[in-house]
Amino acid sequence: MSSTIEVETSIPASRMFKAAVLEWHNLGPKIVPEHIKSIDFIHGDGSAGSIRQINFTPALPFAFAKERLDSIDHNNFEVKNTTIEGGDVGTKLECYSTHSKFTPTSSGGSIVKITVTVKILPGVKPGDEQAKEKEAITKAIKATEAYLLAHPTVCA
């Protein structure tokens, strides 16, 4: 099952991509400290094949998630990730992946489009996770926008 989220921001696509993808390991804990405690690279340096662990605060129902960077396109501001461990993977979900694209707008901002694909484990009834996920992603994008507006030299 897949769902797509689109959020318009006033931040240029290149800057949003840099903040939300390339520098998220540094910025995520600053931008959404209520949810992210830290982000550590377990393998690699942020290029395709890298694995990072996102450590969550007690505000979330799970302690961490490990995600693999499947592909990254710096020219078209696109990235694909797969959560390989933690979160709901193994308890509710068989797999969880995202495809994020940052598209410039004519006003100088960007559209952040994220497609989330999940496969629910047999016997697990789908709940309202998709609605919660959409809300959480939208909040994170808007928080990133606000952070970048407040810190004009970050990822400039």
N, C-alpha and C. Protein backbone atom coordinates (compact mmCIF):
# COMPACT_ATOMS: atom_id res chain seq x y z
N MET A 1 0.84 -1.15 0.00
CA MET A 1 0.00 0.00 0.00
C MET A 1 0.90 1.23 0.00
N SER A 2 0.51 2.22 -0.80
CA SER A 2 1.30 3.45 -0.94
C SER A 2 0.43 4.67 -0.68
N SER A 3 1.07 5.72 -0.20
CA SER A 3 0.40 7.00 -0.06
C SER A 3 1.42 8.09 -0.38
N THR A 4 0.93 9.20 -0.89
CA THR A 4 1.80 10.30 -1.27
C THR A 4 1.41 11.55 -0.52
N ILE A 5 2.42 12.25 -0.07
CA ILE A 5 2.26 13.49 0.67
C ILE A 5 2.96 14.58 -0.13
N GLU A 6 2.28 15.70 -0.34
CA GLU A 6 2.91 16.85 -1.01
C GLU A 6 2.77 18.06 -0.11
N VAL A 7 3.90 18.73 0.13
CA VAL A 7 3.90 19.91 0.97
C VAL A 7 4.66 21.01 0.23
N GLU A 8 4.04 22.17 0.11
CA GLU A 8 4.71 23.30 -0.52
C GLU A 8 5.46 24.10 0.53
N THR A 9 6.69 24.51 0.19
CA THR A 9 7.48 25.33 1.10
C THR A 9 7.99 26.57 0.37
N SER A 10 8.41 27.55 1.14
CA SER A 10 8.98 28.77 0.55
C SER A 10 10.49 28.65 0.36
N ILE A 11 11.05 27.51 0.72
CA ILE A 11 12.49 27.27 0.63
C ILE A 11 12.83 26.65 -0.73
N PRO A 12 13.89 27.12 -1.40
CA PRO A 12 14.28 26.51 -2.68
C PRO A 12 14.53 25.00 -2.54
N ALA A 13 14.25 24.27 -3.60
CA ALA A 13 14.37 22.80 -3.59
C ALA A 13 15.78 22.35 -3.20
N SER A 14 16.80 23.00 -3.72
CA SER A 14 18.18 22.59 -3.42
C SER A 14 18.49 22.72 -1.93
N ARG A 15 17.99 23.77 -1.30
CA ARG A 15 18.25 23.99 0.13
C ARG A 15 17.44 23.02 0.99
N MET A 16 16.18 22.77 0.62
CA MET A 16 15.37 21.81 1.36
C MET A 16 15.98 20.41 1.26
N PHE A 17 16.42 20.03 0.06
CA PHE A 17 17.06 18.73 -0.16
C PHE A 17 18.30 18.60 0.71
N LYS A 18 19.11 19.63 0.73
CA LYS A 18 20.34 19.59 1.52
C LYS A 18 20.01 19.43 3.00
N ALA A 19 19.03 20.18 3.49
CA ALA A 19 18.68 20.12 4.92
C ALA A 19 17.99 18.81 5.29
N ALA A 20 16.99 18.40 4.50
CA ALA A 20 16.16 17.25 4.85
C ALA A 20 16.78 15.91 4.47
N VAL A 21 17.80 15.93 3.61
CA VAL A 21 18.43 14.68 3.18
C VAL A 21 19.91 14.66 3.54
N LEU A 22 20.67 15.56 2.95
CA LEU A 22 22.13 15.51 3.10
C LEU A 22 22.62 15.85 4.51
N GLU A 23 21.93 16.77 5.19
CA GLU A 23 22.36 17.20 6.52
C GLU A 23 21.39 16.79 7.62
N TRP A 24 20.41 15.91 7.30
CA TRP A 24 19.39 15.56 8.28
C TRP A 24 19.99 14.93 9.54
N HIS A 25 21.10 14.20 9.40
CA HIS A 25 21.73 13.59 10.58
C HIS A 25 22.19 14.66 11.59
N ASN A 26 22.52 15.84 11.11
CA ASN A 26 22.89 16.95 11.99
C ASN A 26 21.70 17.81 12.38
N LEU A 27 20.81 18.06 11.42
CA LEU A 27 19.72 18.99 11.64
C LEU A 27 18.47 18.38 12.27
N GLY A 28 18.17 17.12 11.98
CA GLY A 28 16.95 16.49 12.49
C GLY A 28 16.77 16.64 14.00
N PRO A 29 17.82 16.33 14.80
CA PRO A 29 17.67 16.48 16.25
C PRO A 29 17.46 17.94 16.69
N LYS A 30 17.91 18.90 15.91
CA LYS A 30 17.70 20.31 16.22
C LYS A 30 16.31 20.78 15.80
N ILE A 31 15.84 20.25 14.66
CA ILE A 31 14.57 20.70 14.09
C ILE A 31 13.38 20.05 14.77
N VAL A 32 13.46 18.76 15.07
CA VAL A 32 12.36 18.06 15.75
C VAL A 32 12.90 17.33 17.00
N PRO A 33 13.42 18.11 17.97
CA PRO A 33 14.02 17.49 19.16
C PRO A 33 13.01 16.73 20.02
N GLU A 34 11.74 17.02 19.85
CA GLU A 34 10.73 16.30 20.62
C GLU A 34 10.59 14.85 20.13
N HIS A 35 11.08 14.55 18.94
CA HIS A 35 10.98 13.20 18.38
C HIS A 35 12.33 12.53 18.12
N ILE A 36 13.33 13.31 17.69
CA ILE A 36 14.62 12.73 17.33
C ILE A 36 15.68 13.11 18.35
N LYS A 37 16.26 12.07 18.97
CA LYS A 37 17.33 12.27 19.95
C LYS A 37 18.67 12.45 19.23
N SER A 38 18.94 11.54 18.26
CA SER A 38 20.20 11.61 17.50
C SER A 38 20.06 10.75 16.24
N ILE A 39 20.98 10.99 15.30
CA ILE A 39 21.05 10.20 14.07
C ILE A 39 22.51 9.87 13.84
N ASP A 40 22.79 8.58 13.72
CA ASP A 40 24.17 8.13 13.57
C ASP A 40 24.31 7.26 12.33
N PHE A 41 25.41 7.47 11.59
CA PHE A 41 25.70 6.59 10.47
C PHE A 41 26.31 5.30 11.02
N ILE A 42 25.71 4.17 10.65
CA ILE A 42 26.20 2.85 11.07
C ILE A 42 27.17 2.34 10.01
N HIS A 43 26.87 2.71 8.77
CA HIS A 43 27.67 2.26 7.63
C HIS A 43 27.62 3.35 6.57
N GLY A 44 28.75 3.70 6.00
CA GLY A 44 28.79 4.65 4.89
C GLY A 44 28.85 6.10 5.35
N ASP A 45 28.76 6.97 4.34
CA ASP A 45 28.96 8.40 4.56
C ASP A 45 27.82 9.26 4.04
N GLY A 46 26.67 8.64 3.78
CA GLY A 46 25.55 9.39 3.23
C GLY A 46 25.34 9.15 1.75
N SER A 47 26.19 8.34 1.15
CA SER A 47 26.01 7.99 -0.25
C SER A 47 25.12 6.74 -0.31
N ALA A 48 24.72 6.36 -1.54
CA ALA A 48 23.87 5.18 -1.70
C ALA A 48 24.51 3.97 -1.03
N GLY A 49 23.68 3.21 -0.32
CA GLY A 49 24.16 2.05 0.42
C GLY A 49 24.43 2.34 1.89
N SER A 50 24.48 3.62 2.26
CA SER A 50 24.72 3.99 3.65
C SER A 50 23.54 3.57 4.52
N ILE A 51 23.83 3.30 5.78
CA ILE A 51 22.79 2.95 6.75
C ILE A 51 22.94 3.90 7.93
N ARG A 52 21.81 4.50 8.32
CA ARG A 52 21.84 5.36 9.49
C ARG A 52 20.77 4.92 10.48
N GLN A 53 21.07 5.16 11.74
CA GLN A 53 20.13 4.83 12.80
C GLN A 53 19.58 6.12 13.38
N ILE A 54 18.26 6.24 13.37
CA ILE A 54 17.59 7.38 13.96
C ILE A 54 17.12 6.95 15.34
N ASN A 55 17.62 7.62 16.36
CA ASN A 55 17.26 7.31 17.75
C ASN A 55 16.18 8.29 18.19
N PHE A 56 15.05 7.74 18.61
CA PHE A 56 13.89 8.55 18.95
C PHE A 56 13.81 8.83 20.45
N THR A 57 13.07 9.87 20.78
CA THR A 57 12.80 10.21 22.17
C THR A 57 11.66 9.31 22.68
N PRO A 58 11.42 9.31 23.99
CA PRO A 58 10.31 8.52 24.53
C PRO A 58 8.92 8.97 24.03
N ALA A 59 8.84 10.08 23.31
CA ALA A 59 7.56 10.54 22.77
C ALA A 59 7.02 9.59 21.70
N LEU A 60 7.90 8.79 21.12
CA LEU A 60 7.48 7.84 20.08
C LEU A 60 7.39 6.43 20.67
N PRO A 61 6.57 5.58 20.05
CA PRO A 61 6.35 4.23 20.60
C PRO A 61 7.50 3.25 20.34
N PHE A 62 8.56 3.68 19.66
CA PHE A 62 9.71 2.81 19.42
C PHE A 62 10.98 3.62 19.61
N ALA A 63 12.07 2.93 19.94
CA ALA A 63 13.31 3.60 20.31
C ALA A 63 14.15 4.06 19.12
N PHE A 64 14.09 3.32 18.02
CA PHE A 64 14.96 3.64 16.89
C PHE A 64 14.41 3.08 15.59
N ALA A 65 15.02 3.51 14.50
CA ALA A 65 14.79 2.93 13.18
C ALA A 65 16.10 3.01 12.42
N LYS A 66 16.42 1.93 11.73
CA LYS A 66 17.60 1.93 10.86
C LYS A 66 17.11 2.00 9.44
N GLU A 67 17.68 2.96 8.68
CA GLU A 67 17.27 3.07 7.29
C GLU A 67 18.48 3.04 6.37
N ARG A 68 18.25 2.40 5.22
CA ARG A 68 19.27 2.28 4.18
C ARG A 68 18.96 3.30 3.09
N LEU A 69 19.98 4.00 2.65
CA LEU A 69 19.84 4.94 1.54
C LEU A 69 19.99 4.13 0.26
N ASP A 70 18.87 3.89 -0.42
CA ASP A 70 18.88 3.05 -1.62
C ASP A 70 19.45 3.77 -2.83
N SER A 71 19.03 5.03 -3.02
CA SER A 71 19.56 5.82 -4.14
C SER A 71 19.43 7.29 -3.81
N ILE A 72 20.32 8.06 -4.42
CA ILE A 72 20.29 9.50 -4.23
C ILE A 72 20.66 10.17 -5.55
N ASP A 73 19.89 11.16 -5.94
CA ASP A 73 20.12 11.91 -7.18
C ASP A 73 20.26 13.38 -6.80
N HIS A 74 21.50 13.84 -6.71
CA HIS A 74 21.78 15.21 -6.30
C HIS A 74 21.29 16.24 -7.32
N ASN A 75 21.27 15.88 -8.59
CA ASN A 75 20.87 16.82 -9.64
C ASN A 75 19.36 17.04 -9.68
N ASN A 76 18.59 15.99 -9.40
CA ASN A 76 17.13 16.09 -9.45
C ASN A 76 16.49 16.13 -8.06
N PHE A 77 17.33 16.22 -7.02
CA PHE A 77 16.85 16.33 -5.63
C PHE A 77 15.88 15.20 -5.28
N GLU A 78 16.34 13.97 -5.47
CA GLU A 78 15.53 12.78 -5.18
C GLU A 78 16.32 11.80 -4.33
N VAL A 79 15.59 11.10 -3.45
CA VAL A 79 16.22 10.10 -2.61
C VAL A 79 15.21 8.99 -2.33
N LYS A 80 15.73 7.75 -2.23
CA LYS A 80 14.91 6.59 -1.87
C LYS A 80 15.57 5.92 -0.67
N ASN A 81 14.75 5.64 0.36
CA ASN A 81 15.21 5.00 1.59
C ASN A 81 14.33 3.80 1.90
N THR A 82 14.91 2.82 2.59
CA THR A 82 14.15 1.69 3.10
C THR A 82 14.48 1.51 4.58
N THR A 83 13.45 1.44 5.42
CA THR A 83 13.67 1.15 6.83
C THR A 83 13.89 -0.36 6.92
N ILE A 84 15.04 -0.74 7.47
CA ILE A 84 15.42 -2.15 7.50
C ILE A 84 15.29 -2.77 8.89
N GLU A 85 15.14 -1.93 9.91
CA GLU A 85 15.03 -2.44 11.27
C GLU A 85 14.47 -1.35 12.16
N GLY A 86 13.75 -1.74 13.19
CA GLY A 86 13.21 -0.78 14.14
C GLY A 86 11.89 -0.19 13.66
N GLY A 87 11.42 0.79 14.40
CA GLY A 87 10.11 1.35 14.08
C GLY A 87 9.08 0.23 14.14
N ASP A 88 8.17 0.21 13.18
CA ASP A 88 7.15 -0.84 13.12
C ASP A 88 7.58 -2.02 12.25
N VAL A 89 8.80 -1.98 11.67
CA VAL A 89 9.27 -3.08 10.83
C VAL A 89 9.51 -4.30 11.71
N GLY A 90 8.89 -5.40 11.32
CA GLY A 90 9.02 -6.64 12.06
C GLY A 90 7.91 -6.87 13.07
N THR A 91 7.23 -5.79 13.48
CA THR A 91 6.13 -5.95 14.43
C THR A 91 4.78 -5.75 13.75
N LYS A 92 4.68 -4.72 12.93
CA LYS A 92 3.44 -4.45 12.19
C LYS A 92 3.67 -4.48 10.68
N LEU A 93 4.89 -4.13 10.29
CA LEU A 93 5.20 -4.01 8.85
C LEU A 93 6.26 -5.00 8.42
N GLU A 94 6.07 -5.51 7.20
CA GLU A 94 7.10 -6.35 6.59
C GLU A 94 8.19 -5.45 6.01
N CYS A 95 7.78 -4.36 5.37
CA CYS A 95 8.75 -3.42 4.83
C CYS A 95 8.15 -2.01 4.78
N TYR A 96 9.04 -1.03 4.72
CA TYR A 96 8.67 0.38 4.73
C TYR A 96 9.70 1.13 3.91
N SER A 97 9.26 1.85 2.89
CA SER A 97 10.21 2.62 2.09
C SER A 97 9.62 3.97 1.71
N THR A 98 10.50 4.91 1.42
CA THR A 98 10.07 6.25 0.99
C THR A 98 10.83 6.67 -0.26
N HIS A 99 10.15 7.45 -1.07
CA HIS A 99 10.75 8.09 -2.23
C HIS A 99 10.43 9.57 -2.09
N SER A 100 11.45 10.40 -1.92
CA SER A 100 11.26 11.83 -1.71
C SER A 100 11.82 12.61 -2.89
N LYS A 101 11.05 13.59 -3.35
CA LYS A 101 11.47 14.44 -4.46
C LYS A 101 11.18 15.88 -4.09
N PHE A 102 12.16 16.74 -4.32
CA PHE A 102 12.07 18.16 -4.02
C PHE A 102 12.07 18.91 -5.35
N THR A 103 10.92 19.51 -5.70
CA THR A 103 10.76 20.14 -7.01
C THR A 103 10.66 21.65 -6.87
N PRO A 104 11.47 22.40 -7.63
CA PRO A 104 11.38 23.86 -7.57
C PRO A 104 10.02 24.37 -8.05
N THR A 105 9.56 25.46 -7.45
CA THR A 105 8.33 26.12 -7.90
C THR A 105 8.70 27.44 -8.57
N SER A 106 7.77 28.00 -9.33
CA SER A 106 8.02 29.26 -10.03
C SER A 106 8.21 30.42 -9.05
N SER A 107 7.73 30.28 -7.82
CA SER A 107 7.87 31.34 -6.82
C SER A 107 9.22 31.30 -6.10
N GLY A 108 10.05 30.29 -6.41
CA GLY A 108 11.35 30.18 -5.77
C GLY A 108 11.37 29.21 -4.61
N GLY A 109 10.22 28.67 -4.26
CA GLY A 109 10.14 27.68 -3.18
C GLY A 109 10.26 26.28 -3.75
N SER A 110 9.59 25.33 -3.09
CA SER A 110 9.64 23.96 -3.57
C SER A 110 8.41 23.18 -3.13
N ILE A 111 8.16 22.11 -3.87
CA ILE A 111 7.16 21.13 -3.49
C ILE A 111 7.93 19.90 -3.02
N VAL A 112 7.66 19.46 -1.81
CA VAL A 112 8.28 18.25 -1.28
C VAL A 112 7.23 17.15 -1.43
N LYS A 113 7.56 16.16 -2.25
CA LYS A 113 6.64 15.05 -2.50
C LYS A 113 7.27 13.77 -1.97
N ILE A 114 6.58 13.14 -1.04
CA ILE A 114 7.09 11.92 -0.43
C ILE A 114 6.07 10.81 -0.62
N THR A 115 6.51 9.73 -1.27
CA THR A 115 5.66 8.56 -1.44
C THR A 115 6.15 7.50 -0.47
N VAL A 116 5.25 7.07 0.40
CA VAL A 116 5.55 6.05 1.40
C VAL A 116 4.91 4.74 0.94
N THR A 117 5.69 3.68 0.89
CA THR A 117 5.18 2.36 0.52
C THR A 117 5.42 1.41 1.68
N VAL A 118 4.34 0.77 2.11
CA VAL A 118 4.44 -0.18 3.22
C VAL A 118 3.79 -1.50 2.84
N LYS A 119 4.30 -2.56 3.42
CA LYS A 119 3.68 -3.86 3.30
C LYS A 119 3.42 -4.34 4.72
N ILE A 120 2.14 -4.48 5.06
CA ILE A 120 1.73 -4.87 6.40
C ILE A 120 1.93 -6.38 6.57
N LEU A 121 2.39 -6.77 7.75
CA LEU A 121 2.58 -8.19 8.05
C LEU A 121 1.23 -8.91 8.04
N PRO A 122 1.22 -10.17 7.63
CA PRO A 122 -0.02 -10.94 7.66
C PRO A 122 -0.62 -10.96 9.07
N GLY A 123 -1.93 -10.80 9.14
CA GLY A 123 -2.62 -10.83 10.41
C GLY A 123 -2.72 -9.50 11.12
N VAL A 124 -1.98 -8.48 10.63
CA VAL A 124 -2.03 -7.16 11.24
C VAL A 124 -3.09 -6.33 10.52
N LYS A 125 -4.01 -5.78 11.29
CA LYS A 125 -5.06 -4.96 10.69
C LYS A 125 -4.55 -3.52 10.55
N PRO A 126 -4.75 -2.95 9.35
CA PRO A 126 -4.32 -1.56 9.18
C PRO A 126 -5.10 -0.65 10.12
N GLY A 127 -4.38 0.26 10.76
CA GLY A 127 -5.02 1.23 11.65
C GLY A 127 -4.95 2.61 11.04
N ASP A 128 -4.80 3.59 11.89
CA ASP A 128 -4.73 4.96 11.42
C ASP A 128 -3.29 5.43 11.27
N GLU A 129 -2.37 4.47 11.07
CA GLU A 129 -0.96 4.80 10.94
C GLU A 129 -0.69 5.75 9.78
N GLN A 130 -1.40 5.55 8.66
CA GLN A 130 -1.15 6.41 7.50
C GLN A 130 -1.48 7.86 7.80
N ALA A 131 -2.57 8.12 8.48
CA ALA A 131 -2.94 9.49 8.83
C ALA A 131 -1.91 10.10 9.78
N LYS A 132 -1.46 9.31 10.76
CA LYS A 132 -0.44 9.79 11.69
C LYS A 132 0.87 10.06 10.98
N GLU A 133 1.22 9.16 10.06
CA GLU A 133 2.46 9.30 9.28
C GLU A 133 2.43 10.58 8.45
N LYS A 134 1.32 10.80 7.77
CA LYS A 134 1.17 11.98 6.92
C LYS A 134 1.31 13.25 7.76
N GLU A 135 0.69 13.25 8.92
CA GLU A 135 0.77 14.41 9.82
C GLU A 135 2.19 14.62 10.30
N ALA A 136 2.87 13.55 10.68
CA ALA A 136 4.24 13.65 11.18
C ALA A 136 5.20 14.14 10.10
N ILE A 137 5.06 13.63 8.88
CA ILE A 137 5.92 14.06 7.78
C ILE A 137 5.67 15.53 7.45
N THR A 138 4.41 15.91 7.38
CA THR A 138 4.06 17.30 7.09
C THR A 138 4.64 18.23 8.16
N LYS A 139 4.51 17.86 9.42
CA LYS A 139 5.07 18.67 10.51
C LYS A 139 6.58 18.79 10.40
N ALA A 140 7.25 17.69 10.06
CA ALA A 140 8.71 17.72 9.93
C ALA A 140 9.15 18.62 8.78
N ILE A 141 8.43 18.58 7.66
CA ILE A 141 8.76 19.44 6.52
C ILE A 141 8.55 20.90 6.89
N LYS A 142 7.42 21.20 7.53
CA LYS A 142 7.13 22.58 7.93
C LYS A 142 8.11 23.06 9.00
N ALA A 143 8.52 22.17 9.91
CA ALA A 143 9.52 22.54 10.92
C ALA A 143 10.87 22.81 10.26
N THR A 144 11.20 22.04 9.23
CA THR A 144 12.45 22.27 8.49
C THR A 144 12.39 23.62 7.79
N GLU A 145 11.27 23.91 7.17
CA GLU A 145 11.09 25.21 6.51
C GLU A 145 11.27 26.35 7.53
N ALA A 146 10.61 26.25 8.68
CA ALA A 146 10.70 27.29 9.71
C ALA A 146 12.14 27.45 10.21
N TYR A 147 12.83 26.33 10.41
CA TYR A 147 14.22 26.36 10.88
C TYR A 147 15.10 27.07 9.85
N LEU A 148 14.92 26.74 8.58
CA LEU A 148 15.75 27.35 7.53
C LEU A 148 15.43 28.84 7.37
N LEU A 149 14.19 29.21 7.54
CA LEU A 149 13.83 30.64 7.49
C LEU A 149 14.47 31.39 8.65
N ALA A 150 14.52 30.78 9.82
CA ALA A 150 15.10 31.40 11.01
C ALA A 150 16.63 31.39 10.98
N HIS A 151 17.22 30.50 10.18
CA HIS A 151 18.68 30.37 10.08
C HIS A 151 19.07 30.45 8.61
N PRO A 152 19.10 31.65 8.03
CA PRO A 152 19.29 31.81 6.58
C PRO A 152 20.63 31.32 6.03
N THR A 153 21.63 31.12 6.88
CA THR A 153 22.92 30.65 6.36
C THR A 153 23.04 29.12 6.38
N VAL A 154 22.12 28.43 7.08
CA VAL A 154 22.17 26.97 7.16
C VAL A 154 21.76 26.36 5.81
N CYS A 155 22.62 25.52 5.29
CA CYS A 155 22.37 24.83 4.00
C CYS A 155 22.17 25.81 2.83
N ALA A 156 22.70 26.99 2.97
CA ALA A 156 22.54 28.01 1.90
C ALA A 156 23.48 27.72 0.74
